[in-house]
Amino acid sequence: WKAVHVLNCVDGCIPSDMATGTTEELEEERRLLYVAM
């Protein structure tokens, strides 16, 4: 899209507080933010 707004770029949302238990989960959350950007 020409313009993208990403909501809730805070710890607890990105990364989700449900996905910080392992390094693998945390790395995927990083990739998720990258995809959004």
All heavy atoms as atom14 arrays in JSON, in Angstrom:
{
  "sequence": "WKAVHVLNCVDGCIPSDMATGTTEELEEERRLLYVAM",
  "atom14_mask": [
    [1, 1, 1, 1, 1, 1, 1, 1, 1, 1, 1, 1, 1, 1],
    [1, 1, 1, 1, 1, 1, 1, 1, 1, 0, 0, 0, 0, 0],
    [1, 1, 1, 1, 1, 0, 0, 0, 0, 0, 0, 0, 0, 0],
    [1, 1, 1, 1, 1, 1, 1, 0, 0, 0, 0, 0, 0, 0],
    [1, 1, 1, 1, 1, 1, 1, 1, 1, 1, 0, 0, 0, 0],
    [1, 1, 1, 1, 1, 1, 1, 0, 0, 0, 0, 0, 0, 0],
    [1, 1, 1, 1, 1, 1, 1, 1, 0, 0, 0, 0, 0, 0],
    [1, 1, 1, 1, 1, 1, 1, 1, 0, 0, 0, 0, 0, 0],
    [1, 1, 1, 1, 1, 1, 0, 0, 0, 0, 0, 0, 0, 0],
    [1, 1, 1, 1, 1, 1, 1, 0, 0, 0, 0, 0, 0, 0],
    [1, 1, 1, 1, 1, 1, 1, 1, 0, 0, 0, 0, 0, 0],
    [1, 1, 1, 1, 0, 0, 0, 0, 0, 0, 0, 0, 0, 0],
    [1, 1, 1, 1, 1, 1, 0, 0, 0, 0, 0, 0, 0, 0],
    [1, 1, 1, 1, 1, 1, 1, 1, 0, 0, 0, 0, 0, 0],
    [1, 1, 1, 1, 1, 1, 1, 0, 0, 0, 0, 0, 0, 0],
    [1, 1, 1, 1, 1, 1, 0, 0, 0, 0, 0, 0, 0, 0],
    [1, 1, 1, 1, 1, 1, 1, 1, 0, 0, 0, 0, 0, 0],
    [1, 1, 1, 1, 1, 1, 1, 1, 0, 0, 0, 0, 0, 0],
    [1, 1, 1, 1, 1, 0, 0, 0, 0, 0, 0, 0, 0, 0],
    [1, 1, 1, 1, 1, 1, 1, 0, 0, 0, 0, 0, 0, 0],
    [1, 1, 1, 1, 0, 0, 0, 0, 0, 0, 0, 0, 0, 0],
    [1, 1, 1, 1, 1, 1, 1, 0, 0, 0, 0, 0, 0, 0],
    [1, 1, 1, 1, 1, 1, 1, 0, 0, 0, 0, 0, 0, 0],
    [1, 1, 1, 1, 1, 1, 1, 1, 1, 0, 0, 0, 0, 0],
    [1, 1, 1, 1, 1, 1, 1, 1, 1, 0, 0, 0, 0, 0],
    [1, 1, 1, 1, 1, 1, 1, 1, 0, 0, 0, 0, 0, 0],
    [1, 1, 1, 1, 1, 1, 1, 1, 1, 0, 0, 0, 0, 0],
    [1, 1, 1, 1, 1, 1, 1, 1, 1, 0, 0, 0, 0, 0],
    [1, 1, 1, 1, 1, 1, 1, 1, 1, 0, 0, 0, 0, 0],
    [1, 1, 1, 1, 1, 1, 1, 1, 1, 1, 1, 0, 0, 0],
    [1, 1, 1, 1, 1, 1, 1, 1, 1, 1, 1, 0, 0, 0],
    [1, 1, 1, 1, 1, 1, 1, 1, 0, 0, 0, 0, 0, 0],
    [1, 1, 1, 1, 1, 1, 1, 1, 0, 0, 0, 0, 0, 0],
    [1, 1, 1, 1, 1, 1, 1, 1, 1, 1, 1, 1, 0, 0],
    [1, 1, 1, 1, 1, 1, 1, 0, 0, 0, 0, 0, 0, 0],
    [1, 1, 1, 1, 1, 0, 0, 0, 0, 0, 0, 0, 0, 0],
    [1, 1, 1, 1, 1, 1, 1, 1, 0, 0, 0, 0, 0, 0]
  ],
  "atom14_positions": [
    [[0.84, -1.19, 0.0], [0.0, 0.0, 0.0], [0.87, 1.25, 0.0], [2.02, 1.21, 0.46], [-0.91, 0.02, 1.23], [-1.94, -1.06, 1.24], [-3.16, -1.05, 0.64], [-1.83, -2.34, 1.9], [-3.82, -2.24, 0.88], [-3.03, -3.05, 1.64], [-0.84, -2.95, 2.67], [-3.26, -4.32, 2.13], [-1.07, -4.23, 3.16], [-2.26, -4.9, 2.89]],
    [[0.32, 2.33, -0.48], [1.05, 3.6, -0.5], [1.39, 4.04, 0.92], [2.5, 4.49, 1.2], [0.2, 4.66, -1.2], [0.87, 6.02, -1.31], [-0.01, 7.01, -2.05], [0.64, 8.4, -2.12], [-0.24, 9.37, -2.83], [0.0, 0.0, 0.0], [0.0, 0.0, 0.0], [0.0, 0.0, 0.0], [0.0, 0.0, 0.0], [0.0, 0.0, 0.0]],
    [[0.42, 3.92, 1.83], [0.64, 4.31, 3.22], [0.23, 3.17, 4.13], [-0.83, 2.56, 3.93], [-0.16, 5.57, 3.56], [0.0, 0.0, 0.0], [0.0, 0.0, 0.0], [0.0, 0.0, 0.0], [0.0, 0.0, 0.0], [0.0, 0.0, 0.0], [0.0, 0.0, 0.0], [0.0, 0.0, 0.0], [0.0, 0.0, 0.0], [0.0, 0.0, 0.0]],
    [[1.05, 2.87, 5.12], [0.78, 1.78, 6.06], [0.89, 2.31, 7.48], [1.86, 2.99, 7.83], [1.77, 0.6, 5.86], [1.63, -0.42, 6.98], [1.55, -0.06, 4.5], [0.0, 0.0, 0.0], [0.0, 0.0, 0.0], [0.0, 0.0, 0.0], [0.0, 0.0, 0.0], [0.0, 0.0, 0.0], [0.0, 0.0, 0.0], [0.0, 0.0, 0.0]],
    [[-0.13, 2.01, 8.3], [-0.14, 2.36, 9.71], [-0.13, 1.05, 10.51], [-1.02, 0.22, 10.33], [-1.38, 3.17, 10.08], [-1.71, 4.25, 9.08], [-1.02, 5.44, 9.03], [-2.63, 4.3, 8.08], [-1.52, 6.19, 8.05], [-2.49, 5.52, 7.46], [0.0, 0.0, 0.0], [0.0, 0.0, 0.0], [0.0, 0.0, 0.0], [0.0, 0.0, 0.0]],
    [[0.84, 0.87, 11.38], [0.94, -0.36, 12.18], [0.57, -0.02, 13.62], [1.23, 0.81, 14.26], [2.35, -0.97, 12.11], [2.37, -2.32, 12.82], [2.81, -1.12, 10.66], [0.0, 0.0, 0.0], [0.0, 0.0, 0.0], [0.0, 0.0, 0.0], [0.0, 0.0, 0.0], [0.0, 0.0, 0.0], [0.0, 0.0, 0.0], [0.0, 0.0, 0.0]],
    [[-0.48, -0.66, 14.13], [-0.97, -0.38, 15.48], [-0.14, -1.1, 16.54], [0.44, -2.16, 16.3], [-2.43, -0.82, 15.62], [-3.46, -0.23, 14.66], [-4.86, -0.73, 15.03], [-3.42, 1.29, 14.67], [0.0, 0.0, 0.0], [0.0, 0.0, 0.0], [0.0, 0.0, 0.0], [0.0, 0.0, 0.0], [0.0, 0.0, 0.0], [0.0, 0.0, 0.0]],
    [[-0.12, -0.51, 17.74], [0.39, -1.17, 18.95], [1.8, -1.74, 18.79], [2.04, -2.93, 19.06], [-0.56, -2.28, 19.38], [-1.9, -1.75, 19.87], [-2.04, -0.56, 20.13], [-2.87, -2.63, 19.97], [0.0, 0.0, 0.0], [0.0, 0.0, 0.0], [0.0, 0.0, 0.0], [0.0, 0.0, 0.0], [0.0, 0.0, 0.0], [0.0, 0.0, 0.0]],
    [[2.75, -0.9, 18.37], [4.14, -1.35, 18.24], [4.83, -1.25, 19.61], [5.77, -0.48, 19.82], [4.88, -0.51, 17.2], [4.23, -0.75, 15.54], [0.0, 0.0, 0.0], [0.0, 0.0, 0.0], [0.0, 0.0, 0.0], [0.0, 0.0, 0.0], [0.0, 0.0, 0.0], [0.0, 0.0, 0.0], [0.0, 0.0, 0.0], [0.0, 0.0, 0.0]],
    [[4.3, -2.05, 20.53], [4.78, -2.04, 21.91], [5.01, -3.47, 22.36], [4.42, -4.42, 21.83], [3.77, -1.36, 22.86], [3.62, 0.12, 22.54], [2.4, -2.06, 22.79], [0.0, 0.0, 0.0], [0.0, 0.0, 0.0], [0.0, 0.0, 0.0], [0.0, 0.0, 0.0], [0.0, 0.0, 0.0], [0.0, 0.0, 0.0], [0.0, 0.0, 0.0]],
    [[5.88, -3.64, 23.34], [6.08, -4.97, 23.92], [4.77, -5.45, 24.55], [4.11, -4.69, 25.26], [7.18, -4.91, 24.98], [8.5, -5.43, 24.45], [8.78, -5.21, 23.25], [9.23, -6.05, 25.21], [0.0, 0.0, 0.0], [0.0, 0.0, 0.0], [0.0, 0.0, 0.0], [0.0, 0.0, 0.0], [0.0, 0.0, 0.0], [0.0, 0.0, 0.0]],
    [[4.44, -6.68, 24.27], [3.15, -7.22, 24.7], [2.21, -7.38, 23.53], [1.3, -8.2, 23.56], [0.0, 0.0, 0.0], [0.0, 0.0, 0.0], [0.0, 0.0, 0.0], [0.0, 0.0, 0.0], [0.0, 0.0, 0.0], [0.0, 0.0, 0.0], [0.0, 0.0, 0.0], [0.0, 0.0, 0.0], [0.0, 0.0, 0.0], [0.0, 0.0, 0.0]],
    [[2.43, -6.57, 22.48], [1.66, -6.7, 21.23], [2.57, -7.15, 20.09], [2.27, -8.1, 19.38], [0.97, -5.38, 20.88], [-0.32, -4.93, 22.05], [0.0, 0.0, 0.0], [0.0, 0.0, 0.0], [0.0, 0.0, 0.0], [0.0, 0.0, 0.0], [0.0, 0.0, 0.0], [0.0, 0.0, 0.0], [0.0, 0.0, 0.0], [0.0, 0.0, 0.0]],
    [[3.68, -6.45, 19.89], [4.72, -6.86, 18.94], [6.06, -6.72, 19.67], [6.58, -5.61, 19.74], [4.73, -6.0, 17.66], [3.36, -5.99, 16.99], [5.77, -6.52, 16.67], [3.27, -5.1, 15.75], [0.0, 0.0, 0.0], [0.0, 0.0, 0.0], [0.0, 0.0, 0.0], [0.0, 0.0, 0.0], [0.0, 0.0, 0.0], [0.0, 0.0, 0.0]],
    [[6.62, -7.75, 20.26], [6.13, -9.13, 20.2], [4.92, -9.35, 21.1], [4.75, -8.69, 22.12], [7.33, -9.93, 20.74], [7.99, -8.99, 21.7], [7.85, -7.63, 21.06], [0.0, 0.0, 0.0], [0.0, 0.0, 0.0], [0.0, 0.0, 0.0], [0.0, 0.0, 0.0], [0.0, 0.0, 0.0], [0.0, 0.0, 0.0], [0.0, 0.0, 0.0]],
    [[4.09, -10.31, 20.69], [2.96, -10.7, 21.51], [3.47, -11.29, 22.82], [4.47, -12.0, 22.85], [2.12, -11.75, 20.77], [1.21, -12.36, 21.64], [0.0, 0.0, 0.0], [0.0, 0.0, 0.0], [0.0, 0.0, 0.0], [0.0, 0.0, 0.0], [0.0, 0.0, 0.0], [0.0, 0.0, 0.0], [0.0, 0.0, 0.0], [0.0, 0.0, 0.0]],
    [[2.76, -10.99, 23.91], [3.19, -11.55, 25.2], [2.99, -13.06, 25.25], [3.47, -13.73, 26.16], [2.46, -10.87, 26.36], [0.95, -10.92, 26.22], [0.46, -11.58, 25.28], [0.25, -10.29, 27.04], [0.0, 0.0, 0.0], [0.0, 0.0, 0.0], [0.0, 0.0, 0.0], [0.0, 0.0, 0.0], [0.0, 0.0, 0.0], [0.0, 0.0, 0.0]],
    [[2.29, -13.61, 24.23], [2.1, -15.06, 24.15], [3.21, -15.73, 23.35], [3.21, -16.95, 23.18], [0.75, -15.38, 23.49], [-0.44, -14.8, 24.22], [-0.71, -15.59, 25.83], [-1.26, -17.21, 25.29], [0.0, 0.0, 0.0], [0.0, 0.0, 0.0], [0.0, 0.0, 0.0], [0.0, 0.0, 0.0], [0.0, 0.0, 0.0], [0.0, 0.0, 0.0]],
    [[4.15, -14.94, 22.81], [5.15, -15.51, 21.91], [6.57, -15.09, 22.3], [7.39, -14.78, 21.45], [4.86, -15.07, 20.47], [0.0, 0.0, 0.0], [0.0, 0.0, 0.0], [0.0, 0.0, 0.0], [0.0, 0.0, 0.0], [0.0, 0.0, 0.0], [0.0, 0.0, 0.0], [0.0, 0.0, 0.0], [0.0, 0.0, 0.0], [0.0, 0.0, 0.0]],
    [[6.82, -15.06, 23.6], [8.16, -14.69, 24.05], [8.8, -15.8, 24.88], [9.79, -15.58, 25.58], [8.11, -13.39, 24.9], [7.19, -13.58, 25.98], [7.67, -12.21, 24.06], [0.0, 0.0, 0.0], [0.0, 0.0, 0.0], [0.0, 0.0, 0.0], [0.0, 0.0, 0.0], [0.0, 0.0, 0.0], [0.0, 0.0, 0.0], [0.0, 0.0, 0.0]],
    [[8.23, -17.0, 24.79], [8.72, -18.1, 25.61], [10.01, -18.72, 25.11], [10.79, -19.24, 25.89], [0.0, 0.0, 0.0], [0.0, 0.0, 0.0], [0.0, 0.0, 0.0], [0.0, 0.0, 0.0], [0.0, 0.0, 0.0], [0.0, 0.0, 0.0], [0.0, 0.0, 0.0], [0.0, 0.0, 0.0], [0.0, 0.0, 0.0], [0.0, 0.0, 0.0]],
    [[10.24, -18.67, 23.8], [11.44, -19.27, 23.23], [12.1, -18.29, 22.27], [11.47, -17.35, 21.77], [11.12, -20.56, 22.46], [10.33, -20.23, 21.3], [10.35, -21.55, 23.32], [0.0, 0.0, 0.0], [0.0, 0.0, 0.0], [0.0, 0.0, 0.0], [0.0, 0.0, 0.0], [0.0, 0.0, 0.0], [0.0, 0.0, 0.0], [0.0, 0.0, 0.0]],
    [[13.37, -18.55, 21.98], [14.09, -17.71, 21.02], [13.44, -17.79, 19.65], [13.33, -16.78, 18.94], [15.56, -18.17, 20.93], [16.15, -18.07, 22.22], [16.34, -17.32, 19.95], [0.0, 0.0, 0.0], [0.0, 0.0, 0.0], [0.0, 0.0, 0.0], [0.0, 0.0, 0.0], [0.0, 0.0, 0.0], [0.0, 0.0, 0.0], [0.0, 0.0, 0.0]],
    [[12.99, -18.99, 19.26], [12.37, -19.16, 17.94], [11.1, -18.32, 17.81], [10.87, -17.68, 16.78], [12.03, -20.65, 17.71], [13.23, -21.55, 17.51], [13.95, -21.87, 18.81], [13.36, -21.63, 19.9], [15.1, -22.34, 18.76], [0.0, 0.0, 0.0], [0.0, 0.0, 0.0], [0.0, 0.0, 0.0], [0.0, 0.0, 0.0], [0.0, 0.0, 0.0]],
    [[10.28, -18.3, 18.87], [9.05, -17.51, 18.84], [9.38, -16.02, 18.74], [8.74, -15.27, 17.98], [8.22, -17.77, 20.1], [7.58, -19.13, 20.15], [6.85, -19.38, 21.46], [7.3, -18.86, 22.52], [5.83, -20.07, 21.44], [0.0, 0.0, 0.0], [0.0, 0.0, 0.0], [0.0, 0.0, 0.0], [0.0, 0.0, 0.0], [0.0, 0.0, 0.0]],
    [[10.37, -15.59, 19.51], [10.75, -14.18, 19.51], [11.29, -13.75, 18.15], [10.98, -12.66, 17.66], [11.79, -13.93, 20.6], [11.91, -12.51, 21.15], [10.56, -12.02, 21.67], [12.94, -12.48, 22.27], [0.0, 0.0, 0.0], [0.0, 0.0, 0.0], [0.0, 0.0, 0.0], [0.0, 0.0, 0.0], [0.0, 0.0, 0.0], [0.0, 0.0, 0.0]],
    [[12.06, -14.62, 17.51], [12.6, -14.3, 16.19], [11.49, -14.19, 15.16], [11.54, -13.34, 14.26], [13.61, -15.37, 15.76], [14.95, -15.28, 16.49], [15.63, -13.93, 16.28], [15.87, -13.56, 15.11], [15.91, -13.25, 17.27], [0.0, 0.0, 0.0], [0.0, 0.0, 0.0], [0.0, 0.0, 0.0], [0.0, 0.0, 0.0], [0.0, 0.0, 0.0]],
    [[10.46, -15.02, 15.28], [9.34, -14.91, 14.34], [8.58, -13.61, 14.55], [8.11, -12.99, 13.58], [8.39, -16.1, 14.48], [7.21, -16.01, 13.51], [6.58, -17.35, 13.19], [7.3, -18.37, 13.11], [5.36, -17.37, 13.0], [0.0, 0.0, 0.0], [0.0, 0.0, 0.0], [0.0, 0.0, 0.0], [0.0, 0.0, 0.0], [0.0, 0.0, 0.0]],
    [[8.46, -13.16, 15.78], [7.79, -11.88, 16.04], [8.58, -10.72, 15.41], [7.99, -9.76, 14.89], [7.65, -11.66, 17.56], [6.71, -12.62, 18.23], [5.26, -12.4, 17.84], [4.75, -11.28, 18.0], [4.62, -13.35, 17.35], [0.0, 0.0, 0.0], [0.0, 0.0, 0.0], [0.0, 0.0, 0.0], [0.0, 0.0, 0.0], [0.0, 0.0, 0.0]],
    [[9.9, -10.81, 15.43], [10.73, -9.79, 14.77], [10.43, -9.79, 13.26], [10.27, -8.73, 12.65], [12.21, -10.08, 15.01], [13.15, -8.96, 14.5], [14.6, -9.41, 14.41], [15.07, -10.07, 15.62], [15.49, -9.43, 16.7], [15.52, -8.12, 16.73], [15.9, -10.11, 17.77], [0.0, 0.0, 0.0], [0.0, 0.0, 0.0], [0.0, 0.0, 0.0]],
    [[10.35, -10.98, 12.68], [10.06, -11.08, 11.24], [8.66, -10.54, 10.93], [8.43, -9.96, 9.87], [10.2, -12.54, 10.79], [11.61, -13.09, 10.91], [11.78, -14.4, 10.18], [11.01, -15.5, 10.72], [11.47, -16.36, 11.62], [12.71, -16.24, 12.11], [10.71, -17.36, 12.07], [0.0, 0.0, 0.0], [0.0, 0.0, 0.0], [0.0, 0.0, 0.0]],
    [[7.76, -10.7, 11.88], [6.39, -10.21, 11.68], [6.38, -8.68, 11.56], [5.7, -8.11, 10.7], [5.52, -10.67, 12.85], [4.01, -10.7, 12.63], [3.63, -11.64, 11.51], [3.31, -11.13, 13.92], [0.0, 0.0, 0.0], [0.0, 0.0, 0.0], [0.0, 0.0, 0.0], [0.0, 0.0, 0.0], [0.0, 0.0, 0.0], [0.0, 0.0, 0.0]],
    [[7.13, -8.01, 12.43], [7.23, -6.55, 12.34], [7.88, -6.15, 11.02], [7.44, -5.19, 10.36], [8.04, -6.0, 13.52], [8.28, -4.48, 13.51], [6.97, -3.71, 13.51], [9.15, -4.06, 14.69], [0.0, 0.0, 0.0], [0.0, 0.0, 0.0], [0.0, 0.0, 0.0], [0.0, 0.0, 0.0], [0.0, 0.0, 0.0], [0.0, 0.0, 0.0]],
    [[8.9, -6.88, 10.61], [9.58, -6.6, 9.33], [8.61, -6.72, 8.16], [8.58, -5.88, 7.26], [10.75, -7.57, 9.18], [11.47, -7.5, 7.85], [12.38, -6.49, 7.58], [11.25, -8.47, 6.87], [13.05, -6.43, 6.36], [11.91, -8.42, 5.65], [12.81, -7.4, 5.4], [13.47, -7.35, 4.19], [0.0, 0.0, 0.0], [0.0, 0.0, 0.0]],
    [[7.78, -7.76, 8.17], [6.79, -7.93, 7.1], [5.84, -6.75, 7.08], [5.52, -6.21, 6.01], [6.01, -9.26, 7.29], [4.76, -9.3, 6.41], [6.91, -10.45, 6.98], [0.0, 0.0, 0.0], [0.0, 0.0, 0.0], [0.0, 0.0, 0.0], [0.0, 0.0, 0.0], [0.0, 0.0, 0.0], [0.0, 0.0, 0.0], [0.0, 0.0, 0.0]],
    [[5.37, -6.31, 8.24], [4.46, -5.16, 8.3], [5.11, -3.91, 7.71], [4.51, -3.19, 6.91], [4.03, -4.91, 9.75], [0.0, 0.0, 0.0], [0.0, 0.0, 0.0], [0.0, 0.0, 0.0], [0.0, 0.0, 0.0], [0.0, 0.0, 0.0], [0.0, 0.0, 0.0], [0.0, 0.0, 0.0], [0.0, 0.0, 0.0], [0.0, 0.0, 0.0]],
    [[6.36, -3.67, 8.08], [7.04, -2.46, 7.63], [7.29, -2.47, 6.12], [7.18, -1.43, 5.46], [8.37, -2.31, 8.38], [8.21, -2.05, 9.87], [9.78, -2.1, 10.78], [10.6, -0.62, 10.14], [0.0, 0.0, 0.0], [0.0, 0.0, 0.0], [0.0, 0.0, 0.0], [0.0, 0.0, 0.0], [0.0, 0.0, 0.0], [0.0, 0.0, 0.0]]
  ]
}
